[in-house]
């Protein structure tokens, strides 16, 4: 990698680290204040309902984040490349912490972590625009599977929500090694982040709990920064994102 490329990469790492640290530092206060914002019996505002955008986003993003953590642990054991392993560690650490916040809010609100009889992304149907695939400067998401319905995604082969890897793709990632694993991880995680940004933008628009909206906005900023870094890492390996 050229010195100029290394300089760009270091700058992006610094920007991403700043966003991640800010999110993690605010984590404890965010969980606590969510109870005050939403109402847990001590405040005037009622807790979100089980079919609200707040609850739907918390449930769906917790699942979405879990797969990002899983993929990051897979690639950590499949390559010795320091840059990719560091990125994977940051994503796993950040999204595991955020997942804990989301599930913690559901507990505070007295809501189930799994809503039976409700399809993933149903909460986004409340939006006037419906499909959020063009939000947040995400670029062309035509490489994703789009089906009917306002969520703009058709579940198949274990892919429940936009950007999620299929079971087949996860198996391919588990079998890959070295540069092949790095490229596949970066491509899958770019798709994953694109879907995550779309969902988070949906929460910014639809959620009512202020702290949850703030967390969602932070997700958008951090994941967009990481997508820029992943594009550079792919370019350094003679590859490019599958979409966008």
Protein backbone atom coordinates (compact mmCIF):
# COMPACT_ATOMS: atom_id res chain seq x y z
CA UNK A 1 0.00 0.00 0.00
CA UNK A 2 1.37 3.44 -0.93
CA UNK A 3 2.22 6.06 1.71
CA UNK A 4 -0.69 8.20 0.46
CA UNK A 5 -3.09 5.28 0.85
CA UNK A 6 -1.77 4.58 4.34
CA UNK A 7 -2.29 8.25 5.23
CA UNK A 8 -5.91 8.14 4.06
CA UNK A 9 -6.49 4.92 5.96
CA UNK A 10 -5.03 6.36 9.17
CA UNK A 11 -7.24 9.43 8.82
CA UNK A 12 -10.33 7.29 8.36
CA UNK A 13 -9.39 5.10 11.32
CA UNK A 14 -9.06 8.22 13.47
CA UNK A 15 -12.48 9.47 12.39
CA UNK A 16 -14.13 6.10 12.96
CA UNK A 17 -12.45 5.68 16.34
CA UNK A 18 -13.72 9.08 17.46
CA UNK A 19 -17.30 8.17 16.54
CA UNK A 20 -17.07 4.74 18.15
CA UNK A 21 -15.60 6.08 21.39
CA UNK A 22 -18.30 8.73 21.59
CA UNK A 23 -21.00 6.09 21.16
CA UNK A 24 -19.51 3.75 23.75
CA UNK A 25 -18.86 6.55 26.27
CA UNK A 26 -22.49 7.58 26.01
CA UNK A 27 -23.77 4.01 26.25
CA UNK A 28 -24.55 3.82 29.96
CA UNK A 29 -26.20 7.22 30.02
CA UNK A 30 -28.14 6.35 26.88
CA UNK A 31 -29.66 3.20 28.36
CA UNK A 32 -30.56 4.97 31.58
CA UNK A 33 -32.06 8.00 29.86
CA UNK A 34 -34.12 5.81 27.53
CA UNK A 35 -36.12 4.78 30.54
CA UNK A 36 -36.78 8.42 31.38
CA UNK A 37 -37.58 9.39 27.78
CA UNK A 38 -39.97 6.54 27.17
CA UNK A 39 -41.56 6.35 30.55
CA UNK A 40 -41.06 3.41 32.89
CA UNK A 41 -43.76 4.30 35.33
CA UNK A 42 -41.97 7.33 36.79
CA UNK A 43 -42.32 9.82 33.92
CA UNK A 44 -45.25 11.27 31.98
CA UNK A 45 -44.33 9.83 28.58
CA UNK A 46 -45.66 6.28 28.06
CA UNK A 47 -43.38 3.42 27.14
CA UNK A 48 -43.40 2.51 23.42
CA UNK A 49 -45.92 -0.11 22.36
CA UNK A 50 -44.86 -3.54 21.11
CA UNK A 51 -45.70 -2.62 17.51
CA UNK A 52 -44.06 0.83 17.61
CA UNK A 53 -41.14 1.87 15.42
CA UNK A 54 -39.04 2.19 18.59
CA UNK A 55 -39.61 -1.43 19.58
CA UNK A 56 -39.40 -2.73 16.02
CA UNK A 57 -36.09 -1.02 15.38
CA UNK A 58 -34.67 -2.28 18.68
CA UNK A 59 -35.66 -5.87 17.89
CA UNK A 60 -34.60 -5.87 14.24
CA UNK A 61 -31.34 -4.00 14.69
CA UNK A 62 -30.35 -6.33 17.53
CA UNK A 63 -30.66 -9.24 15.09
CA UNK A 64 -28.90 -7.30 12.33
CA UNK A 65 -26.02 -6.41 14.67
CA UNK A 66 -25.68 -10.00 15.87
CA UNK A 67 -24.80 -11.15 12.36
CA UNK A 68 -22.19 -8.39 12.00
CA UNK A 69 -20.57 -9.61 15.22
CA UNK A 70 -20.65 -13.19 13.93
CA UNK A 71 -19.03 -12.30 10.60
CA UNK A 72 -16.35 -10.26 12.36
CA UNK A 73 -15.39 -13.19 14.60
CA UNK A 74 -15.26 -15.46 11.55
CA UNK A 75 -12.81 -13.27 9.62
CA UNK A 76 -10.70 -12.66 12.72
CA UNK A 77 -9.80 -16.35 12.64
CA UNK A 78 -9.41 -16.49 8.85
CA UNK A 79 -6.69 -13.88 8.24
CA UNK A 80 -3.56 -12.46 9.80
CA UNK A 81 -4.02 -9.06 8.16
CA UNK A 82 -3.78 -6.41 10.88
CA UNK A 83 -6.05 -3.82 9.22
CA UNK A 84 -8.93 -6.20 8.56
CA UNK A 85 -8.64 -7.80 11.99
CA UNK A 86 -8.67 -4.35 13.64
CA UNK A 87 -11.74 -3.32 11.66
CA UNK A 88 -13.47 -6.59 12.54
CA UNK A 89 -12.67 -6.07 16.23
CA UNK A 90 -14.05 -2.52 16.18
CA UNK A 91 -17.25 -3.60 14.43
CA UNK A 92 -17.78 -6.56 16.75
CA UNK A 93 -17.12 -4.51 19.89
CA UNK A 94 -19.27 -1.55 18.83
CA UNK A 95 -22.21 -3.54 17.55
CA UNK A 96 -22.21 -5.94 20.51
CA UNK A 97 -22.42 -2.94 22.84
CA UNK A 98 -25.17 -1.32 20.79
CA UNK A 99 -27.06 -4.60 20.67
CA UNK A 100 -26.94 -4.69 24.47
CA UNK A 101 -28.44 -1.18 24.59
CA UNK A 102 -31.26 -2.13 22.23
CA UNK A 103 -32.16 -5.26 24.17
CA UNK A 104 -31.83 -3.35 27.43
CA UNK A 105 -34.39 -0.81 26.25
CA UNK A 106 -36.85 -3.59 25.41
CA UNK A 107 -36.43 -4.87 28.97
CA UNK A 108 -36.94 -1.36 30.38
CA UNK A 109 -40.09 -0.98 28.33
CA UNK A 110 -41.38 -4.40 29.38
CA UNK A 111 -41.55 -5.57 25.76
CA UNK A 112 -40.67 -8.94 24.20
CA UNK A 113 -37.40 -9.30 22.33
CA UNK A 114 -39.22 -11.36 19.70
CA UNK A 115 -42.62 -10.27 18.40
CA UNK A 116 -44.54 -13.32 17.21
CA UNK A 117 -46.62 -12.92 14.08
CA UNK A 118 -44.76 -9.80 12.91
CA UNK A 119 -42.43 -9.81 9.93
CA UNK A 120 -39.01 -8.14 10.20
CA UNK A 121 -39.03 -4.50 9.09
CA UNK A 122 -42.81 -4.17 9.52
CA UNK A 123 -42.20 -1.08 11.64
CA UNK A 124 -40.82 0.77 8.60
CA UNK A 125 -44.21 0.52 6.91
CA UNK A 126 -45.29 3.44 9.08
CA UNK A 127 -43.06 5.74 7.06
CA UNK A 128 -44.64 7.85 4.37
CA UNK A 129 -41.74 7.10 2.06
CA UNK A 130 -41.77 3.37 2.83
CA UNK A 131 -38.55 2.24 1.15
CA UNK A 132 -35.50 3.85 2.79
CA UNK A 133 -32.95 2.40 0.39
CA UNK A 134 -32.13 5.83 -1.02
CA UNK A 135 -31.52 7.50 2.33
CA UNK A 136 -28.20 8.54 3.82
CA UNK A 137 -26.27 8.75 0.53
CA UNK A 138 -26.17 4.99 0.42
CA UNK A 139 -25.88 4.74 -3.33
CA UNK A 140 -27.40 2.03 -5.50
CA UNK A 141 -28.71 -0.94 -3.53
CA UNK A 142 -29.78 -2.78 -6.66
CA UNK A 143 -27.52 -5.68 -5.74
CA UNK A 144 -29.72 -6.52 -2.80
CA UNK A 145 -32.81 -8.67 -2.99
CA UNK A 146 -35.88 -6.49 -3.24
CA UNK A 147 -39.32 -7.93 -2.90
CA UNK A 148 -42.78 -6.56 -2.46
CA UNK A 149 -43.70 -4.56 0.59
CA UNK A 150 -42.48 -1.29 1.98
CA UNK A 151 -39.47 -2.83 3.64
CA UNK A 152 -37.96 -3.33 0.17
CA UNK A 153 -36.52 -6.72 1.09
CA UNK A 154 -37.52 -10.31 0.53
CA UNK A 155 -36.14 -12.78 3.06
CA UNK A 156 -34.38 -15.81 1.64
CA UNK A 157 -31.68 -18.32 2.63
CA UNK A 158 -31.46 -16.90 6.15
CA UNK A 159 -31.25 -13.25 5.05
CA UNK A 160 -33.98 -11.65 7.14
CA UNK A 161 -33.36 -7.96 6.54
CA UNK A 162 -31.60 -5.62 4.08
CA UNK A 163 -27.87 -6.22 3.84
CA UNK A 164 -27.85 -9.42 5.87
CA UNK A 165 -25.68 -12.22 4.50
CA UNK A 166 -27.36 -15.45 3.48
CA UNK A 167 -26.54 -18.82 5.02
CA UNK A 168 -24.67 -19.70 1.83
CA UNK A 169 -22.56 -16.54 2.05
CA UNK A 170 -21.76 -17.19 5.72
CA UNK A 171 -20.62 -20.71 4.80
CA UNK A 172 -18.40 -19.26 2.06
CA UNK A 173 -16.89 -16.82 4.57
CA UNK A 174 -16.18 -19.64 7.04
CA UNK A 175 -14.36 -21.61 4.35
CA UNK A 176 -12.35 -18.70 2.94
CA UNK A 177 -8.83 -17.91 4.09
CA UNK A 178 -6.35 -15.07 3.74
CA UNK A 179 -6.98 -12.46 1.06
CA UNK A 180 -10.09 -14.28 -0.17
CA UNK A 181 -11.60 -14.10 3.31
CA UNK A 182 -10.66 -10.42 3.64
CA UNK A 183 -12.33 -9.46 0.37
CA UNK A 184 -15.48 -11.47 1.02
CA UNK A 185 -15.80 -10.08 4.55
CA UNK A 186 -15.35 -6.49 3.36
CA UNK A 187 -17.93 -6.99 0.60
CA UNK A 188 -20.46 -8.67 2.88
CA UNK A 189 -19.95 -6.09 5.61
CA UNK A 190 -20.35 -3.23 3.15
CA UNK A 191 -23.72 -4.67 2.11
CA UNK A 192 -24.55 -5.21 5.78
CA UNK A 193 -23.73 -1.59 6.64
CA UNK A 194 -25.81 -0.32 3.73
CA UNK A 195 -28.81 -2.17 5.07
CA UNK A 196 -28.03 -1.05 8.62
CA UNK A 197 -27.82 2.61 7.56
CA UNK A 198 -31.20 2.30 5.86
CA UNK A 199 -32.75 0.87 9.02
CA UNK A 200 -31.12 3.46 11.26
CA UNK A 201 -32.31 6.26 9.00
CA UNK A 202 -35.79 4.79 9.34
CA UNK A 203 -35.53 5.05 13.12
CA UNK A 204 -34.29 8.64 12.91
CA UNK A 205 -37.45 9.40 10.95
CA UNK A 206 -39.95 7.24 12.84
CA UNK A 207 -38.78 6.55 16.40
CA UNK A 208 -40.12 8.74 19.21
CA UNK A 209 -37.64 8.02 22.01
CA UNK A 210 -34.99 10.73 21.77
CA UNK A 211 -32.07 8.64 22.97
CA UNK A 212 -32.90 5.87 20.53
CA UNK A 213 -33.06 8.37 17.66
CA UNK A 214 -29.67 9.72 18.77
CA UNK A 215 -28.16 6.24 18.82
CA UNK A 216 -29.59 5.54 15.35
CA UNK A 217 -28.08 8.78 14.02
CA UNK A 218 -24.73 7.73 15.51
CA UNK A 219 -25.00 4.37 13.76
CA UNK A 220 -25.50 6.14 10.44
CA UNK A 221 -22.39 8.29 10.92
CA UNK A 222 -20.17 5.45 12.10
CA UNK A 223 -21.25 2.92 9.49
CA UNK A 224 -20.94 5.38 6.63
CA UNK A 225 -17.38 6.13 7.76
CA UNK A 226 -16.62 2.42 7.93
CA UNK A 227 -18.00 1.91 4.42
CA UNK A 228 -15.50 4.46 3.14
CA UNK A 229 -12.68 2.64 4.89
CA UNK A 230 -13.85 -0.73 3.57
CA UNK A 231 -13.91 0.62 0.01
CA UNK A 232 -10.25 1.64 0.42
CA UNK A 233 -9.32 -1.74 1.91
CA UNK A 234 -11.02 -3.51 -0.99
CA UNK A 235 -9.25 -1.29 -3.54
CA UNK A 236 -5.90 -2.12 -1.95
CA UNK A 237 -6.74 -5.80 -2.55
CA UNK A 238 -7.76 -5.31 -6.19
CA UNK A 239 -11.46 -5.60 -5.44
CA UNK A 240 -14.49 -3.36 -4.92
CA UNK A 241 -17.86 -3.41 -3.15
CA UNK A 242 -20.51 -5.60 -4.76
CA UNK A 243 -23.02 -2.72 -4.73
CA UNK A 244 -22.88 1.04 -4.74
